[in-house]
Amino acid sequence: MVSRIWKLVAVTWIVLAVTSGCTKKESLYSEKDFVGKWESSRVTTPVHLYEDGEWELITESDEVQQYGVWLYSDNKILWTVRVNGKIHHDPNPVLSATANEFQLREKDGSVTTFRRIAP
């Protein structure tokens, strides 16, 4: 599993480098603002965002439902996950963020709200 995570991290950095271009927007927040355990309006399983750039959906019985890597850059969270043997990247603009809640714009235009459960 560790090698899969590192592959996802490497691919994420490559995609970020290619898509960011030469200009860099000033970030409104820090990656540290998003680290923690969150309840999402999109899924019922808590989302854990770790400082090392990994994320997991962990059930109450401590089973990992899904995992990947995440990165905050240019006021977007870039989620990377492997599904059916393919790497998927999902960049979501951050609409707002406070110590206990943040909102992201999804590709379909909807808004996902994350509420902090634990630091």
PDB file of N, CA and C in Angstrom:
ATOM      1  N   MET A   1       0.824  -1.188   0.000  1.00  0.00           N
ATOM      2  CA  MET A   1       0.000   0.000   0.000  1.00  0.00           C
ATOM      3  C   MET A   1       0.869   1.253   0.000  1.00  0.00           C
ATOM      4  N   VAL A   2       2.012   1.208   0.664  1.00  0.00           N
ATOM      5  CA  VAL A   2       2.879   2.380   0.725  1.00  0.00           C
ATOM      6  C   VAL A   2       3.364   2.766  -0.662  1.00  0.00           C
ATOM      7  N   SER A   3       3.749   1.786  -1.473  1.00  0.00           N
ATOM      8  CA  SER A   3       4.243   2.123  -2.814  1.00  0.00           C
ATOM      9  C   SER A   3       3.133   2.728  -3.668  1.00  0.00           C
ATOM     10  N   ARG A   4       1.894   2.276  -3.466  1.00  0.00           N
ATOM     11  CA  ARG A   4       0.771   2.864  -4.213  1.00  0.00           C
ATOM     12  C   ARG A   4       0.588   4.330  -3.840  1.00  0.00           C
ATOM     13  N   ILE A   5       0.705   4.622  -2.558  1.00  0.00           N
ATOM     14  CA  ILE A   5       0.555   6.007  -2.108  1.00  0.00           C
ATOM     15  C   ILE A   5       1.633   6.870  -2.731  1.00  0.00           C
ATOM     16  N   TRP A   6       2.876   6.400  -2.739  1.00  0.00           N
ATOM     17  CA  TRP A   6       3.968   7.200  -3.310  1.00  0.00           C
ATOM     18  C   TRP A   6       3.779   7.411  -4.799  1.00  0.00           C
ATOM     19  N   LYS A   7       3.242   6.411  -5.492  1.00  0.00           N
ATOM     20  CA  LYS A   7       2.948   6.583  -6.918  1.00  0.00           C
ATOM     21  C   LYS A   7       1.894   7.671  -7.099  1.00  0.00           C
ATOM     22  N   LEU A   8       0.845   7.639  -6.246  1.00  0.00           N
ATOM     23  CA  LEU A   8      -0.186   8.673  -6.328  1.00  0.00           C
ATOM     24  C   LEU A   8       0.391  10.054  -6.039  1.00  0.00           C
ATOM     25  N   VAL A   9       1.279  10.130  -5.048  1.00  0.00           N
ATOM     26  CA  VAL A   9       1.918  11.406  -4.719  1.00  0.00           C
ATOM     27  C   VAL A   9       2.726  11.915  -5.901  1.00  0.00           C
ATOM     28  N   ALA A  10       3.520  11.040  -6.510  1.00  0.00           N
ATOM     29  CA  ALA A  10       4.349  11.436  -7.647  1.00  0.00           C
ATOM     30  C   ALA A  10       3.485  11.928  -8.809  1.00  0.00           C
ATOM     31  N   VAL A  11       2.425  11.198  -9.122  1.00  0.00           N
ATOM     32  CA  VAL A  11       1.547  11.597 -10.221  1.00  0.00           C
ATOM     33  C   VAL A  11       0.868  12.924  -9.899  1.00  0.00           C
ATOM     34  N   THR A  12       0.463  13.109  -8.644  1.00  0.00           N
ATOM     35  CA  THR A  12      -0.172  14.366  -8.242  1.00  0.00           C
ATOM     36  C   THR A  12       0.765  15.542  -8.452  1.00  0.00           C
ATOM     37  N   TRP A  13       2.009  15.404  -8.042  1.00  0.00           N
ATOM     38  CA  TRP A  13       2.974  16.489  -8.206  1.00  0.00           C
ATOM     39  C   TRP A  13       3.222  16.791  -9.675  1.00  0.00           C
ATOM     40  N   ILE A  14       3.277  15.762 -10.498  1.00  0.00           N
ATOM     41  CA  ILE A  14       3.476  15.977 -11.934  1.00  0.00           C
ATOM     42  C   ILE A  14       2.292  16.734 -12.519  1.00  0.00           C
ATOM     43  N   VAL A  15       1.077  16.304 -12.188  1.00  0.00           N
ATOM     44  CA  VAL A  15      -0.119  16.981 -12.692  1.00  0.00           C
ATOM     45  C   VAL A  15      -0.157  18.420 -12.210  1.00  0.00           C
ATOM     46  N   LEU A  16       0.164  18.639 -10.950  1.00  0.00           N
ATOM     47  CA  LEU A  16       0.167  19.993 -10.410  1.00  0.00           C
ATOM     48  C   LEU A  16       1.186  20.865 -11.128  1.00  0.00           C
ATOM     49  N   ALA A  17       2.367  20.332 -11.383  1.00  0.00           N
ATOM     50  CA  ALA A  17       3.409  21.105 -12.065  1.00  0.00           C
ATOM     51  C   ALA A  17       2.980  21.464 -13.486  1.00  0.00           C
ATOM     52  N   VAL A  18       2.344  20.523 -14.166  1.00  0.00           N
ATOM     53  CA  VAL A  18       1.928  20.757 -15.550  1.00  0.00           C
ATOM     54  C   VAL A  18       0.760  21.735 -15.614  1.00  0.00           C
ATOM     55  N   THR A  19      -0.203  21.596 -14.678  1.00  0.00           N
ATOM     56  CA  THR A  19      -1.408  22.423 -14.756  1.00  0.00           C
ATOM     57  C   THR A  19      -1.261  23.792 -14.124  1.00  0.00           C
ATOM     58  N   SER A  20      -0.244  23.993 -13.304  1.00  0.00           N
ATOM     59  CA  SER A  20      -0.132  25.277 -12.615  1.00  0.00           C
ATOM     60  C   SER A  20       0.429  26.383 -13.494  1.00  0.00           C
ATOM     61  N   GLY A  21       1.159  26.046 -14.542  1.00  0.00           N
ATOM     62  CA  GLY A  21       1.701  27.057 -15.436  1.00  0.00           C
ATOM     63  C   GLY A  21       2.766  27.896 -14.761  1.00  0.00           C
ATOM     64  N   CYS A  22       3.028  29.040 -15.317  1.00  0.00           N
ATOM     65  CA  CYS A  22       4.090  29.905 -14.804  1.00  0.00           C
ATOM     66  C   CYS A  22       3.609  30.842 -13.713  1.00  0.00           C
ATOM     67  N   THR A  23       2.341  31.211 -13.737  1.00  0.00           N
ATOM     68  CA  THR A  23       1.844  32.140 -12.727  1.00  0.00           C
ATOM     69  C   THR A  23       1.318  31.374 -11.537  1.00  0.00           C
ATOM     70  N   LYS A  24       1.544  31.918 -10.376  1.00  0.00           N
ATOM     71  CA  LYS A  24       1.131  31.283  -9.136  1.00  0.00           C
ATOM     72  C   LYS A  24       0.205  32.235  -8.395  1.00  0.00           C
ATOM     73  N   LYS A  25      -1.027  31.792  -8.118  1.00  0.00           N
ATOM     74  CA  LYS A  25      -1.954  32.610  -7.345  1.00  0.00           C
ATOM     75  C   LYS A  25      -1.558  32.537  -5.882  1.00  0.00           C
ATOM     76  N   GLU A  26      -1.768  33.633  -5.181  1.00  0.00           N
ATOM     77  CA  GLU A  26      -1.493  33.632  -3.755  1.00  0.00           C
ATOM     78  C   GLU A  26      -2.597  32.847  -3.043  1.00  0.00           C
ATOM     79  N   SER A  27      -2.217  31.884  -2.221  1.00  0.00           N
ATOM     80  CA  SER A  27      -3.183  31.061  -1.513  1.00  0.00           C
ATOM     81  C   SER A  27      -3.815  31.833  -0.364  1.00  0.00           C
ATOM     82  N   LEU A  28      -5.102  31.620  -0.189  1.00  0.00           N
ATOM     83  CA  LEU A  28      -5.829  32.259   0.896  1.00  0.00           C
ATOM     84  C   LEU A  28      -5.657  31.503   2.205  1.00  0.00           C
ATOM     85  N   TYR A  29      -5.385  30.214   2.104  1.00  0.00           N
ATOM     86  CA  TYR A  29      -5.300  29.358   3.277  1.00  0.00           C
ATOM     87  C   TYR A  29      -3.993  28.575   3.238  1.00  0.00           C
ATOM     88  N   SER A  30      -3.778  27.809   4.278  1.00  0.00           N
ATOM     89  CA  SER A  30      -2.616  26.932   4.359  1.00  0.00           C
ATOM     90  C   SER A  30      -3.107  25.483   4.344  1.00  0.00           C
ATOM     91  N   GLU A  31      -2.278  24.581   3.866  1.00  0.00           N
ATOM     92  CA  GLU A  31      -2.630  23.167   3.877  1.00  0.00           C
ATOM     93  C   GLU A  31      -2.990  22.707   5.291  1.00  0.00           C
ATOM     94  N   LYS A  32      -2.320  23.281   6.288  1.00  0.00           N
ATOM     95  CA  LYS A  32      -2.577  22.917   7.690  1.00  0.00           C
ATOM     96  C   LYS A  32      -4.013  23.224   8.110  1.00  0.00           C
ATOM     97  N   ASP A  33      -4.665  24.195   7.455  1.00  0.00           N
ATOM     98  CA  ASP A  33      -6.047  24.539   7.778  1.00  0.00           C
ATOM     99  C   ASP A  33      -7.015  23.384   7.503  1.00  0.00           C
ATOM    100  N   PHE A  34      -6.616  22.464   6.642  1.00  0.00           N
ATOM    101  CA  PHE A  34      -7.510  21.392   6.212  1.00  0.00           C
ATOM    102  C   PHE A  34      -7.208  20.044   6.869  1.00  0.00           C
ATOM    103  N   VAL A  35      -6.123  19.955   7.590  1.00  0.00           N
ATOM    104  CA  VAL A  35      -5.745  18.703   8.254  1.00  0.00           C
ATOM    105  C   VAL A  35      -6.723  18.431   9.388  1.00  0.00           C
ATOM    106  N   GLY A  36      -7.229  17.198   9.458  1.00  0.00           N
ATOM    107  CA  GLY A  36      -8.135  16.819  10.538  1.00  0.00           C
ATOM    108  C   GLY A  36      -9.139  15.778  10.091  1.00  0.00           C
ATOM    109  N   LYS A  37     -10.106  15.532  10.946  1.00  0.00           N
ATOM    110  CA  LYS A  37     -11.192  14.588  10.681  1.00  0.00           C
ATOM    111  C   LYS A  37     -12.440  15.402  10.396  1.00  0.00           C
ATOM    112  N   TRP A  38     -13.084  15.128   9.247  1.00  0.00           N
ATOM    113  CA  TRP A  38     -14.184  15.955   8.769  1.00  0.00           C
ATOM    114  C   TRP A  38     -15.420  15.129   8.442  1.00  0.00           C
ATOM    115  N   GLU A  39     -16.572  15.728   8.689  1.00  0.00           N
ATOM    116  CA  GLU A  39     -17.844  15.181   8.231  1.00  0.00           C
ATOM    117  C   GLU A  39     -18.154  15.900   6.921  1.00  0.00           C
ATOM    118  N   SER A  40     -18.497  15.152   5.891  1.00  0.00           N
ATOM    119  CA  SER A  40     -18.760  15.731   4.580  1.00  0.00           C
ATOM    120  C   SER A  40     -20.244  15.651   4.242  1.00  0.00           C
ATOM    121  N   SER A  41     -20.743  16.655   3.542  1.00  0.00           N
ATOM    122  CA  SER A  41     -22.133  16.629   3.091  1.00  0.00           C
ATOM    123  C   SER A  41     -22.313  15.660   1.919  1.00  0.00           C
ATOM    124  N   ARG A  42     -21.217  15.122   1.417  1.00  0.00           N
ATOM    125  CA  ARG A  42     -21.251  14.255   0.235  1.00  0.00           C
ATOM    126  C   ARG A  42     -21.201  12.763   0.572  1.00  0.00           C
ATOM    127  N   VAL A  43     -20.524  12.393   1.669  1.00  0.00           N
ATOM    128  CA  VAL A  43     -20.403  10.986   2.060  1.00  0.00           C
ATOM    129  C   VAL A  43     -20.721  10.850   3.547  1.00  0.00           C
ATOM    130  N   THR A  44     -21.129   9.650   3.954  1.00  0.00           N
ATOM    131  CA  THR A  44     -21.488   9.440   5.357  1.00  0.00           C
ATOM    132  C   THR A  44     -20.290   9.047   6.216  1.00  0.00           C
ATOM    133  N   THR A  45     -19.238   8.533   5.596  1.00  0.00           N
ATOM    134  CA  THR A  45     -18.041   8.121   6.325  1.00  0.00           C
ATOM    135  C   THR A  45     -17.132   9.325   6.545  1.00  0.00           C
ATOM    136  N   PRO A  46     -16.592   9.507   7.766  1.00  0.00           N
ATOM    137  CA  PRO A  46     -15.696  10.639   8.012  1.00  0.00           C
ATOM    138  C   PRO A  46     -14.477  10.640   7.073  1.00  0.00           C
ATOM    139  N   VAL A  47     -14.070  11.829   6.698  1.00  0.00           N
ATOM    140  CA  VAL A  47     -12.909  12.018   5.837  1.00  0.00           C
ATOM    141  C   VAL A  47     -11.744  12.475   6.714  1.00  0.00           C
ATOM    142  N   HIS A  48     -10.643  11.744   6.652  1.00  0.00           N
ATOM    143  CA  HIS A  48      -9.444  12.092   7.413  1.00  0.00           C
ATOM    144  C   HIS A  48      -8.432  12.688   6.444  1.00  0.00           C
ATOM    145  N   LEU A  49      -8.038  13.936   6.669  1.00  0.00           N
ATOM    146  CA  LEU A  49      -7.004  14.587   5.870  1.00  0.00           C
ATOM    147  C   LEU A  49      -5.758  14.679   6.737  1.00  0.00           C
ATOM    148  N   TYR A  50      -4.694  14.017   6.295  1.00  0.00           N
ATOM    149  CA  TYR A  50      -3.474  13.949   7.083  1.00  0.00           C
ATOM    150  C   TYR A  50      -2.448  14.968   6.600  1.00  0.00           C
ATOM    151  N   GLU A  51      -1.589  15.366   7.514  1.00  0.00           N
ATOM    152  CA  GLU A  51      -0.547  16.354   7.239  1.00  0.00           C
ATOM    153  C   GLU A  51       0.422  15.886   6.158  1.00  0.00           C
ATOM    154  N   ASP A  52       0.607  14.574   6.027  1.00  0.00           N
ATOM    155  CA  ASP A  52       1.548  14.033   5.034  1.00  0.00           C
ATOM    156  C   ASP A  52       0.961  13.993   3.624  1.00  0.00           C
ATOM    157  N   GLY A  53      -0.282  14.481   3.444  1.00  0.00           N
ATOM    158  CA  GLY A  53      -0.885  14.534   2.116  1.00  0.00           C
ATOM    159  C   GLY A  53      -1.751  13.340   1.774  1.00  0.00           C
ATOM    160  N   GLU A  54      -1.942  12.429   2.694  1.00  0.00           N
ATOM    161  CA  GLU A  54      -2.835  11.303   2.445  1.00  0.00           C
ATOM    162  C   GLU A  54      -4.229  11.634   2.969  1.00  0.00           C
ATOM    163  N   TRP A  55      -5.242  10.991   2.392  1.00  0.00           N
ATOM    164  CA  TRP A  55      -6.602  11.100   2.905  1.00  0.00           C
ATOM    165  C   TRP A  55      -7.215   9.715   2.931  1.00  0.00           C
ATOM    166  N   GLU A  56      -8.157   9.513   3.854  1.00  0.00           N
ATOM    167  CA  GLU A  56      -8.839   8.234   3.979  1.00  0.00           C
ATOM    168  C   GLU A  56     -10.286   8.446   4.399  1.00  0.00           C
ATOM    169  N   LEU A  57     -11.145   7.536   3.944  1.00  0.00           N
ATOM    170  CA  LEU A  57     -12.499   7.413   4.476  1.00  0.00           C
ATOM    171  C   LEU A  57     -12.450   6.206   5.395  1.00  0.00           C
ATOM    172  N   ILE A  58     -12.659   6.429   6.709  1.00  0.00           N
ATOM    173  CA  ILE A  58     -12.528   5.359   7.693  1.00  0.00           C
ATOM    174  C   ILE A  58     -13.864   5.159   8.400  1.00  0.00           C
ATOM    175  N   THR A  59     -14.369   3.914   8.380  1.00  0.00           N
ATOM    176  CA  THR A  59     -15.644   3.591   9.007  1.00  0.00           C
ATOM    177  C   THR A  59     -15.509   3.561  10.531  1.00  0.00           C
ATOM    178  N   GLU A  60     -16.640   3.475  11.217  1.00  0.00           N
ATOM    179  CA  GLU A  60     -16.639   3.388  12.676  1.00  0.00           C
ATOM    180  C   GLU A  60     -15.896   2.154  13.177  1.00  0.00           C
ATOM    181  N   SER A  61     -15.855   1.096  12.355  1.00  0.00           N
ATOM    182  CA  SER A  61     -15.137  -0.129  12.738  1.00  0.00           C
ATOM    183  C   SER A  61     -13.681  -0.093  12.275  1.00  0.00           C
ATOM    184  N   ASP A  62     -13.164   1.117  11.977  1.00  0.00           N
ATOM    185  CA  ASP A  62     -11.772   1.349  11.581  1.00  0.00           C
ATOM    186  C   ASP A  62     -11.368   0.683  10.265  1.00  0.00           C
ATOM    187  N   GLU A  63     -12.322   0.472   9.372  1.00  0.00           N
ATOM    188  CA  GLU A  63     -12.014  -0.058   8.043  1.00  0.00           C
ATOM    189  C   GLU A  63     -11.831   1.118   7.078  1.00  0.00           C
ATOM    190  N   VAL A  64     -10.786   1.045   6.253  1.00  0.00           N
ATOM    191  CA  VAL A  64     -10.539   2.081   5.258  1.00  0.00           C
ATOM    192  C   VAL A  64     -11.387   1.772   4.026  1.00  0.00           C
ATOM    193  N   GLN A  65     -12.363   2.636   3.739  1.00  0.00           N
ATOM    194  CA  GLN A  65     -13.222   2.466   2.570  1.00  0.00           C
ATOM    195  C   GLN A  65     -12.546   2.954   1.293  1.00  0.00           C
ATOM    196  N   GLN A  66     -11.813   4.049   1.413  1.00  0.00           N
ATOM    197  CA  GLN A  66     -11.150   4.642   0.256  1.00  0.00           C
ATOM    198  C   GLN A  66      -9.987   5.476   0.763  1.00  0.00           C
ATOM    199  N   TYR A  67      -8.960   5.600  -0.066  1.00  0.00           N
ATOM    200  CA  TYR A  67      -7.814   6.423   0.315  1.00  0.00           C
ATOM    201  C   TYR A  67      -7.179   7.001  -0.930  1.00  0.00           C
ATOM    202  N   GLY A  68      -6.346   7.996  -0.714  1.00  0.00           N
ATOM    203  CA  GLY A  68      -5.628   8.627  -1.810  1.00  0.00           C
ATOM    204  C   GLY A  68      -4.713   9.691  -1.247  1.00  0.00           C
ATOM    205  N   VAL A  69      -4.373  10.653  -2.088  1.00  0.00           N
ATOM    206  CA  VAL A  69      -3.555  11.778  -1.639  1.00  0.00           C
ATOM    207  C   VAL A  69      -4.288  13.065  -1.963  1.00  0.00           C
ATOM    208  N   TRP A  70      -3.947  14.115  -1.220  1.00  0.00           N
ATOM    209  CA  TRP A  70      -4.555  15.415  -1.435  1.00  0.00           C
ATOM    210  C   TRP A  70      -3.477  16.477  -1.343  1.00  0.00           C
ATOM    211  N   LEU A  71      -3.765  17.611  -1.959  1.00  0.00           N
ATOM    212  CA  LEU A  71      -2.813  18.715  -1.983  1.00  0.00           C
ATOM    213  C   LEU A  71      -3.604  20.011  -2.087  1.00  0.00           C
ATOM    214  N   TYR A  72      -3.238  20.990  -1.290  1.00  0.00           N
ATOM    215  CA  TYR A  72      -3.856  22.306  -1.389  1.00  0.00           C
ATOM    216  C   TYR A  72      -2.891  23.231  -2.116  1.00  0.00           C
ATOM    217  N   SER A  73      -3.350  23.825  -3.222  1.00  0.00           N
ATOM    218  CA  SER A  73      -2.529  24.744  -3.997  1.00  0.00           C
ATOM    219  C   SER A  73      -3.434  25.616  -4.857  1.00  0.00           C
ATOM    220  N   ASP A  74      -3.054  26.854  -5.039  1.00  0.00           N
ATOM    221  CA  ASP A  74      -3.808  27.798  -5.876  1.00  0.00           C
ATOM    222  C   ASP A  74      -5.281  27.863  -5.480  1.00  0.00           C
ATOM    223  N   ASN A  75      -5.533  27.827  -4.166  1.00  0.00           N
ATOM    224  CA  ASN A  75      -6.889  27.905  -3.616  1.00  0.00           C
ATOM    225  C   ASN A  75      -7.795  26.772  -4.094  1.00  0.00           C
ATOM    226  N   LYS A  76      -7.192  25.616  -4.330  1.00  0.00           N
ATOM    227  CA  LYS A  76      -7.928  24.402  -4.694  1.00  0.00           C
ATOM    228  C   LYS A  76      -7.380  23.242  -3.882  1.00  0.00           C
ATOM    229  N   ILE A  77      -8.260  22.286  -3.621  1.00  0.00           N
ATOM    230  CA  ILE A  77      -7.802  21.002  -3.092  1.00  0.00           C
ATOM    231  C   ILE A  77      -7.824  20.033  -4.257  1.00  0.00           C
ATOM    232  N   LEU A  78      -6.682  19.415  -4.510  1.00  0.00           N
ATOM    233  CA  LEU A  78      -6.553  18.415  -5.564  1.00  0.00           C
ATOM    234  C   LEU A  78      -6.589  17.049  -4.895  1.00  0.00           C
ATOM    235  N   TRP A  79      -7.660  16.300  -5.165  1.00  0.00           N
ATOM    236  CA  TRP A  79      -7.814  14.943  -4.657  1.00  0.00           C
ATOM    237  C   TRP A  79      -7.300  13.989  -5.717  1.00  0.00           C
ATOM    238  N   THR A  80      -6.529  13.004  -5.320  1.00  0.00           N
ATOM    239  CA  THR A  80      -6.056  11.986  -6.253  1.00  0.00           C
ATOM    240  C   THR A  80      -6.385  10.627  -5.664  1.00  0.00           C
ATOM    241  N   VAL A  81      -6.977   9.777  -6.492  1.00  0.00           N
ATOM    242  CA  VAL A  81      -7.388   8.448  -6.049  1.00  0.00           C
ATOM    243  C   VAL A  81      -7.246   7.472  -7.211  1.00  0.00           C
ATOM    244  N   ARG A  82      -7.011   6.232  -6.870  1.00  0.00           N
ATOM    245  CA  ARG A  82      -6.940   5.169  -7.876  1.00  0.00           C
ATOM    246  C   ARG A  82      -8.237   4.374  -7.817  1.00  0.00           C
ATOM    247  N   VAL A  83      -8.945   4.319  -8.952  1.00  0.00           N
ATOM    248  CA  VAL A  83     -10.203   3.588  -9.049  1.00  0.00           C
ATOM    249  C   VAL A  83     -10.130   2.682 -10.268  1.00  0.00           C
ATOM    250  N   ASN A  84     -10.393   1.402 -10.056  1.00  0.00           N
ATOM    251  CA  ASN A  84     -10.365   0.423 -11.148  1.00  0.00           C
ATOM    252  C   ASN A  84      -9.064   0.476 -11.946  1.00  0.00           C
ATOM    253  N   GLY A  85      -7.955   0.635 -11.236  1.00  0.00           N
ATOM    254  CA  GLY A  85      -6.646   0.628 -11.869  1.00  0.00           C
ATOM    255  C   GLY A  85      -6.255   1.923 -12.556  1.00  0.00           C
ATOM    256  N   LYS A  86      -7.093   2.947 -12.473  1.00  0.00           N
ATOM    257  CA  LYS A  86      -6.789   4.232 -13.104  1.00  0.00           C
ATOM    258  C   LYS A  86      -6.674   5.315 -12.050  1.00  0.00           C
ATOM    259  N   ILE A  87      -5.748   6.257 -12.282  1.00  0.00           N
ATOM    260  CA  ILE A  87      -5.558   7.393 -11.376  1.00  0.00           C
ATOM    261  C   ILE A  87      -6.513   8.511 -11.789  1.00  0.00           C
ATOM    262  N   HIS A  88      -7.268   9.024 -10.818  1.00  0.00           N
ATOM    263  CA  HIS A  88      -8.200  10.119 -11.072  1.00  0.00           C
ATOM    264  C   HIS A  88      -7.792  11.325 -10.235  1.00  0.00           C
ATOM    265  N   HIS A  89      -7.831  12.504 -10.850  1.00  0.00           N
ATOM    266  CA  HIS A  89      -7.530  13.762 -10.172  1.00  0.00           C
ATOM    267  C   HIS A  89      -8.801  14.602 -10.164  1.00  0.00           C
ATOM    268  N   ASP A  90      -9.101  15.168  -9.032  1.00  0.00           N
ATOM    269  CA  ASP A  90     -10.313  15.975  -8.889  1.00  0.00           C
ATOM    270  C   ASP A  90      -9.960  17.283  -8.193  1.00  0.00           C
ATOM    271  N   PRO A  91      -9.678  18.340  -8.966  1.00  0.00           N
ATOM    272  CA  PRO A  91      -9.379  19.636  -8.355  1.00  0.00           C
ATOM    273  C   PRO A  91     -10.670  20.370  -8.004  1.00  0.00           C
ATOM    274  N   ASN A  92     -10.777  20.802  -6.748  1.00  0.00           N
ATOM    275  CA  ASN A  92     -11.974  21.517  -6.294  1.00  0.00           C
ATOM    276  C   ASN A  92     -11.590  22.860  -5.694  1.00  0.00           C
ATOM    277  N   PRO A  93     -12.100  23.970  -6.253  1.00  0.00           N
ATOM    278  CA  PRO A  93     -11.840  25.287  -5.666  1.00  0.00           C
ATOM    279  C   PRO A  93     -12.400  25.379  -4.251  1.00  0.00           C
ATOM    280  N   VAL A  94     -11.644  26.022  -3.368  1.00  0.00           N
ATOM    281  CA  VAL A  94     -12.099  26.270  -2.000  1.00  0.00           C
ATOM    282  C   VAL A  94     -12.909  27.563  -2.031  1.00  0.00           C
ATOM    283  N   LEU A  95     -14.172  27.473  -1.655  1.00  0.00           N
ATOM    284  CA  LEU A  95     -15.052  28.645  -1.645  1.00  0.00           C
ATOM    285  C   LEU A  95     -14.906  29.429  -0.353  1.00  0.00           C
ATOM    286  N   SER A  96     -14.768  28.703   0.759  1.00  0.00           N
ATOM    287  CA  SER A  96     -14.593  29.347   2.060  1.00  0.00           C
ATOM    288  C   SER A  96     -13.972  28.343   3.018  1.00  0.00           C
ATOM    289  N   ALA A  97     -13.327  28.863   4.046  1.00  0.00           N
ATOM    290  CA  ALA A  97     -12.730  27.991   5.058  1.00  0.00           C
ATOM    291  C   ALA A  97     -12.620  28.743   6.373  1.00  0.00           C
ATOM    292  N   THR A  98     -13.032  28.071   7.439  1.00  0.00           N
ATOM    293  CA  THR A  98     -12.838  28.565   8.795  1.00  0.00           C
ATOM    294  C   THR A  98     -12.178  27.426   9.574  1.00  0.00           C
ATOM    295  N   ALA A  99     -11.962  27.633  10.851  1.00  0.00           N
ATOM    296  CA  ALA A  99     -11.328  26.591  11.662  1.00  0.00           C
ATOM    297  C   ALA A  99     -12.185  25.330  11.740  1.00  0.00           C
ATOM    298  N   ASN A 100     -13.507  25.460  11.588  1.00  0.00           N
ATOM    299  CA  ASN A 100     -14.392  24.313  11.774  1.00  0.00           C
ATOM    300  C   ASN A 100     -15.203  23.899  10.556  1.00  0.00           C
ATOM    301  N   GLU A 101     -15.007  24.586   9.422  1.00  0.00           N
ATOM    302  CA  GLU A 101     -15.789  24.242   8.235  1.00  0.00           C
ATOM    303  C   GLU A 101     -15.106  24.774   6.974  1.00  0.00           C
ATOM    304  N   PHE A 102     -15.202  23.997   5.889  1.00  0.00           N
ATOM    305  CA  PHE A 102     -14.795  24.531   4.594  1.00  0.00           C
ATOM    306  C   PHE A 102     -15.736  24.015   3.520  1.00  0.00           C
ATOM    307  N   GLN A 103     -15.803  24.770   2.417  1.00  0.00           N
ATOM    308  CA  GLN A 103     -16.672  24.409   1.303  1.00  0.00           C
ATOM    309  C   GLN A 103     -15.876  24.361   0.017  1.00  0.00           C
ATOM    310  N   LEU A 104     -16.191  23.350  -0.800  1.00  0.00           N
ATOM    311  CA  LEU A 104     -15.532  23.157  -2.085  1.00  0.00           C
ATOM    312  C   LEU A 104     -16.558  23.164  -3.207  1.00  0.00           C
ATOM    313  N   ARG A 105     -16.166  23.681  -4.366  1.00  0.00           N
ATOM    314  CA  ARG A 105     -16.992  23.632  -5.569  1.00  0.00           C
ATOM    315  C   ARG A 105     -16.622  22.348  -6.327  1.00  0.00           C
ATOM    316  N   GLU A 106     -17.618  21.519  -6.598  1.00  0.00           N
ATOM    317  CA  GLU A 106     -17.407  20.267  -7.331  1.00  0.00           C
ATOM    318  C   GLU A 106     -17.454  20.520  -8.838  1.00  0.00           C
ATOM    319  N   LYS A 107     -17.005  19.539  -9.613  1.00  0.00           N
ATOM    320  CA  LYS A 107     -16.998  19.663 -11.078  1.00  0.00           C
ATOM    321  C   LYS A 107     -18.391  19.943 -11.636  1.00  0.00           C
ATOM    322  N   ASP A 108     -19.420  19.359 -11.005  1.00  0.00           N
ATOM    323  CA  ASP A 108     -20.786  19.537 -11.494  1.00  0.00           C
ATOM    324  C   ASP A 108     -21.426  20.843 -11.028  1.00  0.00           C
ATOM    325  N   GLY A 109     -20.652  21.671 -10.303  1.00  0.00           N
ATOM    326  CA  GLY A 109     -21.149  22.957  -9.843  1.00  0.00           C
ATOM    327  C   GLY A 109     -21.729  22.930  -8.437  1.00  0.00           C
ATOM    328  N   SER A 110     -21.968  21.750  -7.888  1.00  0.00           N
ATOM    329  CA  SER A 110     -22.513  21.661  -6.532  1.00  0.00           C
ATOM    330  C   SER A 110     -21.451  22.044  -5.501  1.00  0.00           C
ATOM    331  N   VAL A 111     -21.894  22.260  -4.273  1.00  0.00           N
ATOM    332  CA  VAL A 111     -21.000  22.637  -3.186  1.00  0.00           C
ATOM    333  C   VAL A 111     -20.988  21.517  -2.144  1.00  0.00           C
ATOM    334  N   THR A 112     -19.793  21.110  -1.736  1.00  0.00           N
ATOM    335  CA  THR A 112     -19.632  20.144  -0.664  1.00  0.00           C
ATOM    336  C   THR A 112     -19.131  20.874   0.562  1.00  0.00           C
ATOM    337  N   THR A 113     -19.794  20.633   1.690  1.00  0.00           N
ATOM    338  CA  THR A 113     -19.410  21.261   2.952  1.00  0.00           C
ATOM    339  C   THR A 113     -18.769  20.221   3.861  1.00  0.00           C
ATOM    340  N   PHE A 114     -17.637  20.576   4.452  1.00  0.00           N
ATOM    341  CA  PHE A 114     -16.927  19.729   5.394  1.00  0.00           C
ATOM    342  C   PHE A 114     -16.977  20.410   6.757  1.00  0.00           C
ATOM    343  N   ARG A 115     -17.414  19.669   7.775  1.00  0.00           N
ATOM    344  CA  ARG A 115     -17.462  20.189   9.147  1.00  0.00           C
ATOM    345  C   ARG A 115     -16.488  19.380  10.003  1.00  0.00           C
ATOM    346  N   ARG A 116     -15.673  20.091  10.756  1.00  0.00           N
ATOM    347  CA  ARG A 116     -14.632  19.445  11.567  1.00  0.00           C
ATOM    348  C   ARG A 116     -15.251  18.587  12.674  1.00  0.00           C
ATOM    349  N   ILE A 117     -14.753  17.352  12.761  1.00  0.00           N
ATOM    350  CA  ILE A 117     -15.117  16.439  13.846  1.00  0.00           C
ATOM    351  C   ILE A 117     -14.015  16.452  14.895  1.00  0.00           C
ATOM    352  N   ALA A 118     -12.763  16.449  14.423  1.00  0.00           N
ATOM    353  CA  ALA A 118     -11.607  16.447  15.328  1.00  0.00           C
ATOM    354  C   ALA A 118     -10.406  17.034  14.583  1.00  0.00           C
ATOM    355  N   PRO A 119      -9.448  17.601  15.382  1.00  0.00           N
ATOM    356  CA  PRO A 119      -8.242  18.156  14.748  1.00  0.00           C
ATOM    357  C   PRO A 119      -7.382  17.086  14.088  1.00  0.00           C
TER     358      PRO A 119
END
